[in-house]
N, C-alpha and C. Protein backbone atom coordinates (compact mmCIF):
# COMPACT_ATOMS: atom_id res chain seq x y z
N MET A 1 -2.41 -22.61 -16.24
CA MET A 1 -1.02 -22.22 -16.40
C MET A 1 -0.97 -21.04 -17.36
N LEU A 2 -0.39 -19.98 -16.92
CA LEU A 2 -0.28 -18.77 -17.72
C LEU A 2 0.90 -18.89 -18.65
N LEU A 3 0.64 -18.63 -19.90
CA LEU A 3 1.73 -18.58 -20.85
C LEU A 3 1.23 -18.06 -22.17
N PHE A 4 2.16 -17.78 -23.01
CA PHE A 4 1.82 -17.37 -24.35
C PHE A 4 1.76 -18.64 -25.19
N ALA A 5 0.64 -19.28 -25.15
CA ALA A 5 0.48 -20.51 -25.90
C ALA A 5 0.67 -20.20 -27.39
N ARG A 6 1.34 -21.07 -28.04
CA ARG A 6 1.57 -20.88 -29.47
C ARG A 6 0.69 -21.82 -30.26
N THR A 7 0.27 -21.35 -31.38
CA THR A 7 -0.55 -22.15 -32.27
C THR A 7 0.14 -22.23 -33.63
N GLN A 8 0.00 -23.35 -34.28
CA GLN A 8 0.65 -23.55 -35.58
C GLN A 8 -0.30 -23.08 -36.68
N THR A 9 0.16 -22.14 -37.49
CA THR A 9 -0.62 -21.64 -38.62
C THR A 9 0.29 -21.65 -39.84
N GLN A 10 0.00 -22.50 -40.78
CA GLN A 10 0.79 -22.64 -42.01
C GLN A 10 2.28 -22.78 -41.71
N GLY A 11 2.60 -23.61 -40.72
CA GLY A 11 3.99 -23.87 -40.40
C GLY A 11 4.67 -22.81 -39.55
N VAL A 12 3.92 -21.76 -39.17
CA VAL A 12 4.49 -20.68 -38.37
C VAL A 12 3.86 -20.71 -36.99
N LEU A 13 4.71 -20.60 -35.97
CA LEU A 13 4.20 -20.55 -34.61
C LEU A 13 3.81 -19.12 -34.25
N LEU A 14 2.57 -18.97 -33.79
CA LEU A 14 2.07 -17.66 -33.39
C LEU A 14 1.61 -17.70 -31.94
N THR A 15 1.77 -16.59 -31.22
CA THR A 15 1.16 -16.51 -29.90
C THR A 15 -0.34 -16.31 -30.12
N LYS A 16 -1.11 -16.61 -29.09
CA LYS A 16 -2.56 -16.41 -29.21
C LYS A 16 -2.88 -14.94 -29.45
N LEU A 17 -2.14 -14.06 -28.79
CA LEU A 17 -2.36 -12.62 -28.99
C LEU A 17 -2.08 -12.24 -30.44
N GLU A 18 -1.02 -12.75 -30.98
CA GLU A 18 -0.67 -12.46 -32.38
C GLU A 18 -1.75 -12.98 -33.32
N LYS A 19 -2.23 -14.18 -33.06
CA LYS A 19 -3.27 -14.77 -33.89
C LYS A 19 -4.55 -13.93 -33.84
N ILE A 20 -4.91 -13.47 -32.65
CA ILE A 20 -6.11 -12.63 -32.50
C ILE A 20 -5.97 -11.33 -33.28
N LEU A 21 -4.80 -10.70 -33.18
CA LEU A 21 -4.59 -9.45 -33.91
C LEU A 21 -4.70 -9.67 -35.42
N ILE A 22 -4.15 -10.77 -35.90
CA ILE A 22 -4.23 -11.07 -37.34
C ILE A 22 -5.67 -11.32 -37.74
N GLU A 23 -6.38 -12.16 -36.97
CA GLU A 23 -7.76 -12.49 -37.30
C GLU A 23 -8.68 -11.27 -37.28
N LYS A 24 -8.46 -10.37 -36.34
CA LYS A 24 -9.29 -9.18 -36.21
C LYS A 24 -8.77 -8.01 -37.06
N GLU A 25 -7.66 -8.25 -37.77
CA GLU A 25 -7.03 -7.24 -38.61
C GLU A 25 -6.74 -5.96 -37.81
N ILE A 26 -6.15 -6.16 -36.63
CA ILE A 26 -5.80 -5.05 -35.75
C ILE A 26 -4.29 -4.87 -35.80
N LYS A 27 -3.88 -3.63 -36.01
CA LYS A 27 -2.45 -3.33 -36.06
C LYS A 27 -1.91 -3.17 -34.65
N GLN A 28 -0.69 -3.63 -34.47
CA GLN A 28 -0.04 -3.52 -33.17
C GLN A 28 0.09 -2.06 -32.75
N THR A 29 0.31 -1.16 -33.69
CA THR A 29 0.45 0.26 -33.35
C THR A 29 -0.84 0.81 -32.75
N TRP A 30 -1.99 0.37 -33.29
CA TRP A 30 -3.28 0.80 -32.74
C TRP A 30 -3.44 0.31 -31.31
N LEU A 31 -3.16 -0.96 -31.08
CA LEU A 31 -3.31 -1.53 -29.75
C LEU A 31 -2.33 -0.88 -28.77
N ALA A 32 -1.11 -0.63 -29.20
CA ALA A 32 -0.12 0.02 -28.34
C ALA A 32 -0.63 1.40 -27.88
N LYS A 33 -1.18 2.17 -28.80
CA LYS A 33 -1.72 3.48 -28.45
C LYS A 33 -2.92 3.33 -27.50
N LYS A 34 -3.76 2.37 -27.79
CA LYS A 34 -4.98 2.16 -27.00
C LYS A 34 -4.65 1.84 -25.54
N ILE A 35 -3.58 1.08 -25.30
CA ILE A 35 -3.23 0.70 -23.93
C ILE A 35 -2.09 1.55 -23.37
N ASN A 36 -1.69 2.57 -24.12
CA ASN A 36 -0.67 3.52 -23.68
C ASN A 36 0.69 2.86 -23.43
N LYS A 37 1.10 2.04 -24.37
CA LYS A 37 2.42 1.39 -24.33
C LYS A 37 3.14 1.64 -25.64
N SER A 38 4.44 1.52 -25.62
CA SER A 38 5.20 1.72 -26.86
C SER A 38 4.98 0.52 -27.79
N PRO A 39 5.05 0.76 -29.09
CA PRO A 39 4.93 -0.35 -30.04
C PRO A 39 5.98 -1.44 -29.81
N THR A 40 7.17 -1.04 -29.37
CA THR A 40 8.25 -2.01 -29.11
C THR A 40 7.87 -2.94 -27.97
N VAL A 41 7.34 -2.39 -26.89
CA VAL A 41 6.92 -3.21 -25.75
C VAL A 41 5.81 -4.16 -26.17
N LEU A 42 4.82 -3.63 -26.87
CA LEU A 42 3.71 -4.48 -27.30
C LEU A 42 4.21 -5.59 -28.22
N ASN A 43 5.11 -5.27 -29.12
CA ASN A 43 5.64 -6.28 -30.04
C ASN A 43 6.32 -7.41 -29.29
N ARG A 44 7.02 -7.10 -28.21
CA ARG A 44 7.66 -8.15 -27.41
C ARG A 44 6.62 -9.07 -26.80
N TRP A 45 5.49 -8.51 -26.38
CA TRP A 45 4.40 -9.33 -25.82
C TRP A 45 3.77 -10.18 -26.92
N VAL A 46 3.52 -9.55 -28.06
CA VAL A 46 2.87 -10.25 -29.18
C VAL A 46 3.72 -11.42 -29.65
N LYS A 47 5.02 -11.23 -29.70
CA LYS A 47 5.93 -12.28 -30.17
C LYS A 47 6.30 -13.29 -29.09
N GLY A 48 5.83 -13.06 -27.86
CA GLY A 48 6.10 -13.99 -26.78
C GLY A 48 7.49 -13.85 -26.18
N LYS A 49 8.16 -12.74 -26.47
CA LYS A 49 9.49 -12.53 -25.92
C LYS A 49 9.44 -12.04 -24.48
N ARG A 50 8.36 -11.40 -24.11
CA ARG A 50 8.12 -10.92 -22.74
C ARG A 50 6.68 -11.21 -22.39
N ILE A 51 6.40 -11.24 -21.10
CA ILE A 51 5.04 -11.46 -20.63
C ILE A 51 4.56 -10.19 -19.92
N PRO A 52 3.42 -9.67 -20.33
CA PRO A 52 2.91 -8.45 -19.68
C PRO A 52 2.45 -8.73 -18.26
N THR A 53 2.42 -7.66 -17.45
CA THR A 53 1.87 -7.80 -16.11
C THR A 53 0.38 -8.08 -16.24
N TYR A 54 -0.21 -8.54 -15.15
CA TYR A 54 -1.65 -8.82 -15.19
C TYR A 54 -2.44 -7.55 -15.49
N LYS A 55 -1.98 -6.43 -14.94
CA LYS A 55 -2.64 -5.14 -15.20
C LYS A 55 -2.64 -4.84 -16.71
N ASN A 56 -1.52 -5.09 -17.37
CA ASN A 56 -1.46 -4.87 -18.82
C ASN A 56 -2.26 -5.91 -19.60
N MET A 57 -2.33 -7.12 -19.08
CA MET A 57 -3.19 -8.13 -19.70
C MET A 57 -4.64 -7.66 -19.69
N LEU A 58 -5.05 -7.07 -18.57
CA LEU A 58 -6.42 -6.56 -18.46
C LEU A 58 -6.66 -5.42 -19.45
N LYS A 59 -5.67 -4.55 -19.62
CA LYS A 59 -5.81 -3.46 -20.59
C LYS A 59 -5.97 -4.00 -22.01
N ILE A 60 -5.17 -5.00 -22.35
CA ILE A 60 -5.26 -5.61 -23.68
C ILE A 60 -6.61 -6.27 -23.86
N SER A 61 -7.04 -7.00 -22.84
CA SER A 61 -8.33 -7.67 -22.87
C SER A 61 -9.46 -6.68 -23.11
N LYS A 62 -9.43 -5.58 -22.39
CA LYS A 62 -10.48 -4.56 -22.52
C LYS A 62 -10.44 -3.92 -23.91
N ALA A 63 -9.25 -3.61 -24.40
CA ALA A 63 -9.12 -2.98 -25.71
C ALA A 63 -9.62 -3.89 -26.83
N LEU A 64 -9.36 -5.19 -26.69
CA LEU A 64 -9.78 -6.16 -27.72
C LEU A 64 -11.18 -6.71 -27.49
N ASN A 65 -11.73 -6.42 -26.31
CA ASN A 65 -13.05 -6.93 -25.93
C ASN A 65 -13.09 -8.46 -25.96
N ILE A 66 -12.02 -9.04 -25.41
CA ILE A 66 -11.87 -10.50 -25.32
C ILE A 66 -11.42 -10.83 -23.90
N PRO A 67 -11.99 -11.86 -23.28
CA PRO A 67 -11.57 -12.21 -21.92
C PRO A 67 -10.08 -12.51 -21.83
N VAL A 68 -9.48 -12.10 -20.73
CA VAL A 68 -8.05 -12.33 -20.48
C VAL A 68 -7.69 -13.80 -20.68
N GLU A 69 -8.52 -14.67 -20.15
CA GLU A 69 -8.25 -16.11 -20.22
C GLU A 69 -8.11 -16.59 -21.66
N GLU A 70 -8.91 -16.01 -22.54
CA GLU A 70 -8.91 -16.43 -23.94
C GLU A 70 -7.63 -15.99 -24.66
N ILE A 71 -7.03 -14.91 -24.18
CA ILE A 71 -5.83 -14.38 -24.83
C ILE A 71 -4.55 -14.98 -24.26
N PHE A 72 -4.50 -15.13 -22.93
CA PHE A 72 -3.23 -15.42 -22.27
C PHE A 72 -3.13 -16.78 -21.59
N PHE A 73 -4.16 -17.60 -21.65
CA PHE A 73 -4.09 -18.90 -20.99
C PHE A 73 -4.20 -20.01 -22.02
N ASN A 74 -3.70 -21.18 -21.66
CA ASN A 74 -3.83 -22.36 -22.52
C ASN A 74 -5.29 -22.64 -22.81
N ASP A 75 -5.54 -23.24 -23.95
CA ASP A 75 -6.91 -23.62 -24.29
C ASP A 75 -7.47 -24.65 -23.33
N ASP A 76 -6.60 -25.48 -22.75
CA ASP A 76 -7.08 -26.55 -21.89
C ASP A 76 -7.29 -26.09 -20.44
N VAL A 77 -6.97 -24.84 -20.15
CA VAL A 77 -7.20 -24.32 -18.80
C VAL A 77 -8.61 -23.78 -18.72
N LYS A 78 -9.35 -24.26 -17.78
CA LYS A 78 -10.71 -23.78 -17.56
C LYS A 78 -10.71 -22.88 -16.34
N VAL A 79 -11.04 -21.63 -16.54
CA VAL A 79 -11.08 -20.68 -15.44
C VAL A 79 -12.52 -20.56 -14.98
N SER A 80 -12.71 -20.83 -13.72
CA SER A 80 -14.06 -20.80 -13.16
C SER A 80 -14.27 -19.51 -12.41
N ALA A 81 -15.46 -18.97 -12.54
CA ALA A 81 -15.82 -17.77 -11.78
C ALA A 81 -16.09 -18.13 -10.33
N LYS A 82 -16.38 -19.39 -10.08
CA LYS A 82 -16.65 -19.83 -8.71
C LYS A 82 -15.34 -20.08 -7.99
N SER A 83 -15.34 -19.74 -6.74
CA SER A 83 -14.17 -19.98 -5.91
C SER A 83 -14.42 -21.21 -5.06
N ASN A 84 -13.36 -21.87 -4.65
CA ASN A 84 -13.49 -23.00 -3.75
C ASN A 84 -13.72 -22.55 -2.32
N TYR A 85 -13.61 -21.28 -2.09
CA TYR A 85 -13.71 -20.75 -0.75
C TYR A 85 -15.07 -20.10 -0.54
N SER A 86 -15.58 -20.29 0.64
CA SER A 86 -16.87 -19.71 0.99
C SER A 86 -16.70 -18.22 1.24
N THR A 87 -17.69 -17.46 0.84
CA THR A 87 -17.63 -16.02 1.09
C THR A 87 -18.32 -15.66 2.40
N ASP A 88 -18.96 -16.62 3.02
CA ASP A 88 -19.55 -16.33 4.33
C ASP A 88 -18.70 -16.98 5.42
N ASN A 89 -19.14 -16.91 6.63
CA ASN A 89 -18.33 -17.39 7.75
C ASN A 89 -18.67 -18.81 8.17
N THR A 90 -19.40 -19.54 7.36
CA THR A 90 -19.83 -20.87 7.76
C THR A 90 -18.67 -21.85 7.91
N ASN A 91 -17.60 -21.68 7.16
CA ASN A 91 -16.49 -22.62 7.21
C ASN A 91 -15.44 -22.25 8.26
N ILE A 92 -15.56 -21.09 8.84
CA ILE A 92 -14.55 -20.65 9.79
C ILE A 92 -14.54 -21.51 11.03
N ASN A 93 -15.68 -21.95 11.45
CA ASN A 93 -15.80 -22.68 12.71
C ASN A 93 -15.73 -24.19 12.53
N ASN A 94 -15.28 -24.68 11.40
CA ASN A 94 -15.25 -26.12 11.15
C ASN A 94 -14.35 -26.88 12.11
N ASN A 95 -13.31 -26.27 12.63
CA ASN A 95 -12.38 -26.97 13.49
C ASN A 95 -12.74 -26.88 14.98
N LYS A 96 -13.81 -26.22 15.29
CA LYS A 96 -14.23 -26.11 16.68
C LYS A 96 -14.81 -27.41 17.18
N GLN A 97 -14.61 -27.63 18.44
CA GLN A 97 -15.24 -28.78 19.08
C GLN A 97 -16.73 -28.52 19.21
N PRO A 98 -17.56 -29.54 19.07
CA PRO A 98 -19.00 -29.33 19.22
C PRO A 98 -19.32 -28.83 20.62
N GLU A 99 -20.26 -27.89 20.65
CA GLU A 99 -20.68 -27.35 21.96
C GLU A 99 -21.45 -28.40 22.72
N LYS A 100 -21.25 -28.43 24.09
CA LYS A 100 -21.94 -29.41 24.94
C LYS A 100 -23.12 -28.80 25.61
């Protein structure tokens, strides 16, 4: 589930993005310039007032060198690189009647 999960730090609720910026001592103005967005827009994302597009999530992820999942998804969500779908054609013919 995608959301700006909040974490409690000394009685204050922070978004994960906000917590990362604080921990890494990164200023919002630096990140805004790095991803080519206004500081106002970035601040809305940091405070959880707006949710960035996936494209902008990727830009933030790249700028911070942190996986998107770690910044924008719940801690309890496990994102797997494996897909449930086959990449070959072996499953396409599953509904066919056996050849006689």
